[in-house]
Amino acid sequence: QTLPTNLYNIQYNIGDCVMIDDSKLGQIKSIGQHPAWGKGTWYGIRLTEKIGNCDGEFKGQRTFSCPPGYGYFVQRNQLTQKLKIARFDFLKEDYIEDKRKEFERLKQES
């Protein structure tokens, strides 16, 4: 099945809420390339459900932070839709930093 050409004209940016593979919802938290990832541009997605495969680290490179299982890296052809309405926003989320602060707070209380 070939996709209509206008799908390839859509610009995806960090912060966009997207549909991945017509089955997963998430928000783009990083866009980039790295030699360790092979060819192409990769989109780091923070999913709305725990159906991902990472926590924002991909092949040894961390590009964002989220709870384990909510991160997912895809290439452009897997982004199937850009949502017009942002029903969720994970851009300010920093799972690692939040956990560190919580640990420091608990240490001081004990």
Protein backbone atom coordinates (compact mmCIF):
# COMPACT_ATOMS: atom_id res chain seq x y z
CA GLN A 1 0.00 0.00 0.00
CA THR A 2 1.41 3.38 -0.95
CA LEU A 3 0.73 6.43 1.16
CA PRO A 4 -0.67 9.57 -0.43
CA THR A 5 2.13 12.00 -1.23
CA ASN A 6 0.66 14.72 0.98
CA LEU A 7 1.47 12.59 4.06
CA TYR A 8 5.15 13.10 3.31
CA ASN A 9 4.69 16.87 3.17
CA ILE A 10 3.71 17.02 6.85
CA GLN A 11 6.41 18.63 9.02
CA TYR A 12 6.92 16.92 12.36
CA ASN A 13 8.47 18.90 15.21
CA ILE A 14 9.38 18.35 18.85
CA GLY A 15 6.22 18.74 20.90
CA ASP A 16 3.88 17.40 18.22
CA CYS A 17 1.35 14.82 19.38
CA VAL A 18 1.37 11.93 16.93
CA MET A 19 -0.02 8.55 16.03
CA ILE A 20 2.62 5.84 15.42
CA ASP A 21 1.90 2.78 13.25
CA ASP A 22 -1.84 3.65 13.45
CA SER A 23 -1.90 2.13 16.94
CA LYS A 24 0.22 4.13 19.40
CA LEU A 25 -0.26 7.68 20.69
CA GLY A 26 2.62 9.84 21.85
CA GLN A 27 4.51 13.10 21.73
CA ILE A 28 7.76 13.78 19.89
CA LYS A 29 10.45 14.59 22.45
CA SER A 30 13.53 14.37 20.22
CA ILE A 31 14.46 14.30 16.55
CA GLY A 32 17.94 13.43 15.42
CA GLN A 33 20.63 11.32 13.86
CA HIS A 34 23.54 9.46 15.38
CA PRO A 35 26.18 7.11 13.92
CA ALA A 36 25.17 4.43 16.45
CA TRP A 37 21.61 4.46 15.09
CA GLY A 38 22.43 3.79 11.47
CA LYS A 39 21.03 5.74 8.55
CA GLY A 40 18.14 8.15 8.77
CA THR A 41 16.49 10.48 11.20
CA TRP A 42 14.97 9.02 14.35
CA TYR A 43 12.04 10.42 16.31
CA GLY A 44 12.05 9.86 20.08
CA ILE A 45 8.46 9.43 21.21
CA ARG A 46 7.02 9.56 24.74
CA LEU A 47 4.02 7.22 24.50
CA THR A 48 0.78 7.67 26.44
CA GLU A 49 0.72 3.97 27.40
CA LYS A 50 3.40 1.61 28.69
CA ILE A 51 3.84 -0.16 25.34
CA GLY A 52 7.26 1.22 24.42
CA ASN A 53 10.69 -0.39 24.68
CA CYS A 54 12.87 2.18 26.47
CA ASP A 55 13.07 5.21 28.80
CA GLY A 56 14.37 7.73 26.26
CA GLU A 57 17.72 6.04 25.60
CA PHE A 58 18.31 4.50 22.18
CA LYS A 59 21.35 2.33 21.35
CA GLY A 60 23.38 3.89 24.17
CA GLN A 61 22.37 7.51 23.47
CA ARG A 62 19.90 9.32 25.74
CA THR A 63 17.88 12.01 23.99
CA PHE A 64 15.05 12.39 26.53
CA SER A 65 13.85 10.95 29.81
CA CYS A 66 10.57 9.18 30.59
CA PRO A 67 9.38 6.26 32.74
CA PRO A 68 10.66 2.86 31.52
CA GLY A 69 8.41 1.36 28.85
CA TYR A 70 7.01 4.71 27.69
CA GLY A 71 9.82 5.57 25.28
CA TYR A 72 9.83 4.54 21.62
CA PHE A 73 12.11 5.46 18.71
CA VAL A 74 10.76 5.39 15.18
CA GLN A 75 11.63 6.58 11.70
CA ARG A 76 9.54 8.97 9.63
CA ASN A 77 7.49 6.30 7.83
CA GLN A 78 6.11 5.04 11.17
CA LEU A 79 4.56 8.43 12.00
CA THR A 80 1.10 7.96 10.57
CA GLN A 81 -0.75 11.02 11.85
CA LYS A 82 -0.16 14.39 13.46
CA LEU A 83 -2.91 15.14 15.97
CA LYS A 84 -4.48 18.57 15.78
CA ILE A 85 -5.54 18.57 19.42
CA ALA A 86 -2.85 18.13 22.06
CA ARG A 87 -4.55 16.11 24.78
CA PHE A 88 -1.29 15.43 26.57
CA ASP A 89 2.01 17.25 27.09
CA PHE A 90 5.16 15.49 28.29
CA LEU A 91 7.68 18.13 27.24
CA LYS A 92 8.41 19.27 30.80
CA GLU A 93 8.70 15.70 32.08
CA ASP A 94 12.18 14.65 33.19
CA TYR A 95 11.77 11.26 34.80
CA ILE A 96 15.42 10.85 35.88
CA GLU A 97 15.64 14.33 37.41
CA ASP A 98 12.27 13.90 39.17
CA LYS A 99 13.39 10.57 40.68
CA ARG A 100 16.67 12.14 41.86
CA LYS A 101 14.81 15.00 43.59
CA GLU A 102 12.42 12.54 45.24
CA PHE A 103 15.40 10.47 46.50
CA GLU A 104 17.09 13.61 47.92
CA ARG A 105 13.86 14.63 49.67
CA LEU A 106 13.40 11.17 51.21
CA LYS A 107 17.05 11.17 52.36
CA GLN A 108 16.57 14.48 54.16
CA GLU A 109 13.38 13.27 55.87
CA SER A 110 15.04 10.19 57.35
